[in-house]
Protein backbone atom coordinates (compact mmCIF):
# COMPACT_ATOMS: atom_id res chain seq x y z
CA MET A 1 -9.74 59.90 -33.34
CA ALA A 2 -11.71 58.30 -30.63
CA LYS A 3 -13.10 55.69 -33.02
CA ARG A 4 -9.47 54.58 -33.78
CA LEU A 5 -8.55 54.06 -30.40
CA GLN A 6 -11.32 51.80 -29.48
CA HIS A 7 -10.65 48.05 -30.20
CA SER A 8 -13.16 45.31 -30.15
CA ALA A 9 -12.47 41.99 -28.32
CA ARG A 10 -11.92 40.17 -31.66
CA ASP A 11 -9.51 42.71 -32.97
CA GLY A 12 -6.91 41.55 -30.49
CA ALA A 13 -4.38 38.44 -31.20
CA GLY A 14 -5.52 35.17 -29.74
CA PHE A 15 -7.97 32.37 -30.09
CA THR A 16 -11.69 32.14 -28.74
CA LEU A 17 -12.30 29.26 -26.52
CA LEU A 18 -14.45 27.56 -29.06
CA GLU A 19 -11.45 27.79 -31.57
CA ILE A 20 -9.25 26.04 -29.05
CA MET A 21 -11.82 23.39 -28.10
CA VAL A 22 -12.27 22.48 -31.73
CA VAL A 23 -8.43 22.06 -32.16
CA LEU A 24 -8.51 19.96 -29.08
CA VAL A 25 -11.22 17.76 -30.20
CA VAL A 26 -9.52 17.07 -33.83
CA LEU A 27 -6.12 16.34 -31.94
CA ALA A 28 -8.04 13.63 -29.64
CA ILE A 29 -9.68 11.87 -32.86
CA LEU A 30 -6.17 11.72 -34.28
CA LEU A 31 -4.34 10.46 -31.39
CA SER A 32 -7.22 7.85 -30.85
CA VAL A 33 -6.52 6.67 -34.57
CA ALA A 34 -2.84 6.72 -34.37
CA MET A 35 -1.94 5.33 -31.11
CA PRO A 36 -2.79 1.64 -31.49
CA SER A 37 -0.81 1.58 -34.70
CA TYR A 38 2.04 3.38 -32.63
CA GLN A 39 1.44 0.49 -29.98
CA GLN A 40 1.76 -2.03 -32.54
CA HIS A 41 5.22 -1.01 -33.55
CA PHE A 42 6.29 -1.46 -30.41
CA PHE A 43 4.89 -4.71 -29.66
CA ARG A 44 6.48 -6.09 -33.01
CA ALA A 45 10.23 -4.85 -32.12
CA TRP A 46 9.61 -6.66 -28.75
CA ARG A 47 8.65 -9.81 -30.51
CA LEU A 48 11.56 -9.62 -33.01
CA GLU A 49 13.99 -9.19 -29.84
CA ALA A 50 12.50 -12.62 -28.26
CA VAL A 51 12.74 -14.52 -31.58
CA THR A 52 16.19 -13.16 -32.19
CA ASP A 53 17.32 -14.30 -28.66
CA MET A 54 15.55 -17.62 -29.23
CA TYR A 55 17.55 -18.38 -32.28
CA ARG A 56 20.74 -17.37 -30.51
CA ILE A 57 19.67 -19.97 -27.48
CA ALA A 58 18.77 -22.57 -30.19
CA ASP A 59 22.31 -21.99 -31.91
CA LEU A 60 23.79 -22.43 -28.53
CA GLN A 61 22.05 -25.75 -27.95
CA TRP A 62 23.31 -27.25 -31.11
CA GLN A 63 26.68 -26.09 -30.25
CA PHE A 64 26.44 -27.67 -26.67
CA ARG A 65 24.95 -30.82 -28.20
CA LEU A 66 28.29 -31.23 -30.60
CA GLU A 67 30.43 -30.89 -27.44
CA GLN A 68 28.31 -32.80 -24.73
CA HIS A 69 26.44 -35.05 -26.79
CA ARG A 70 23.01 -33.85 -25.28
CA PHE A 71 20.88 -30.74 -24.97
CA SER A 72 20.95 -28.65 -22.06
CA ASP A 73 17.79 -27.63 -19.88
CA ASP A 74 20.09 -25.11 -17.99
CA PHE A 75 20.63 -21.56 -19.20
CA ALA A 76 23.91 -21.52 -17.08
CA GLU A 77 25.20 -24.35 -18.98
CA LEU A 78 24.61 -22.39 -22.37
CA GLY A 79 26.19 -19.10 -20.77
CA VAL A 80 22.87 -17.21 -21.40
CA ASP A 81 20.35 -15.42 -19.04
CA SER A 82 16.83 -16.83 -19.11
CA GLN A 83 15.45 -13.39 -19.79
CA SER A 84 15.34 -11.41 -23.13
CA ARG A 85 17.90 -8.62 -23.12
CA SER A 86 15.19 -6.03 -22.40
CA GLY A 87 13.54 -8.07 -19.79
CA LEU A 88 10.19 -8.26 -21.54
CA TYR A 89 10.48 -12.14 -22.09
CA ARG A 90 11.36 -15.02 -19.87
CA PHE A 91 12.50 -18.18 -21.40
CA ARG A 92 12.24 -21.55 -20.50
CA LEU A 93 14.03 -24.81 -21.63
CA GLN A 94 12.86 -28.12 -21.92
CA ARG A 95 14.92 -31.19 -23.56
CA GLY A 96 14.70 -34.74 -24.23
CA ASP A 97 17.27 -37.13 -25.79
CA ASP A 98 16.89 -35.78 -29.34
CA TYR A 99 14.93 -32.48 -28.98
CA PHE A 100 14.81 -29.38 -27.41
CA VAL A 101 12.01 -26.85 -26.79
CA ILE A 102 12.48 -23.12 -26.18
CA GLU A 103 9.56 -21.31 -24.62
CA ALA A 104 9.37 -17.20 -24.45
CA LYS A 105 6.78 -15.83 -22.10
CA ALA A 106 5.72 -12.11 -22.04
CA GLN A 107 6.52 -10.27 -18.85
CA ASN A 108 6.41 -6.69 -17.72
CA ARG A 109 5.30 -4.23 -20.46
CA ALA A 110 5.09 -7.05 -23.09
CA LEU A 111 2.01 -8.29 -21.22
CA GLN A 112 0.02 -5.47 -22.85
CA ASP A 113 0.46 -7.38 -26.12
CA SER A 114 -2.11 -9.64 -25.17
CA ASN A 115 -2.70 -11.51 -28.31
CA CYS A 116 1.11 -12.68 -28.12
CA GLN A 117 1.88 -13.98 -24.71
CA ILE A 118 3.76 -17.20 -25.58
CA LEU A 119 5.94 -18.52 -28.33
CA THR A 120 7.52 -21.82 -28.62
CA PHE A 121 10.33 -22.85 -30.74
CA ARG A 122 11.23 -26.71 -31.19
CA SER A 123 14.35 -28.29 -32.37
CA ASP A 124 12.75 -29.50 -35.34
CA GLY A 125 12.12 -26.08 -36.65
CA ARG A 126 8.52 -25.63 -35.60
CA TRP A 127 7.00 -22.44 -34.09
CA GLN A 128 3.72 -22.27 -31.99
CA SER A 129 2.26 -19.30 -30.41
CA MET A 130 -0.37 -18.59 -27.89
CA PRO A 131 -3.11 -17.51 -27.72
CA SER A 132 -3.11 -16.09 -31.39
CA ASN A 133 -0.90 -18.23 -33.96
CA THR A 134 -0.64 -15.01 -36.33
CA CYS A 135 1.14 -12.36 -34.38
CA TRP A 136 4.54 -14.02 -34.17
CA GLY A 137 4.84 -14.89 -37.86
CA GLU A 138 5.79 -11.30 -38.83
CA ALA A 139 8.68 -11.42 -36.10
CA ARG A 140 10.40 -14.58 -37.70
CA ARG A 141 10.29 -13.25 -41.29
C-alpha cells in the first residue's frame, strides 16, 4: 500500500521545462516565417487605399476641368483632403495647362513599407513609383 501512495515527479500533470522551451522555440520559428507575409498584406491594403483615393482625385480633376476649363492644384477646390482616409499617405497636386500630376507620399505607419514610398499618377494615365517600380502594380490591378 505504501508503494501505491508514492508518486514520482513525472507522474503528475504538467510539462517539464525542456518541453515548454521546445514549444517556444517552434513558435518563434513559425512567427519569424509568418510575420513578413502578414506585414505584406497590411502594406498591400494601405497601397490599395492610396490608389483608390488617387483615382477619386483624378476623377474630380477631370470634372473640375469640365466646369472651370483648367485643372486644379488646390485640394479645397476639388473638395477633398490632402491625406488618404487612413492618414497613411499625403497627396500633392501639380498642374499645367493640359495636364495634372497626383503624388502620394507615405507617412506614419506606411513608412515601414520601405520599397513603396512614393506613387505618382499623371493625367495621361502613366504611373510611376519610387524607390521600387514593382510594388504598386499589384495595388492598381
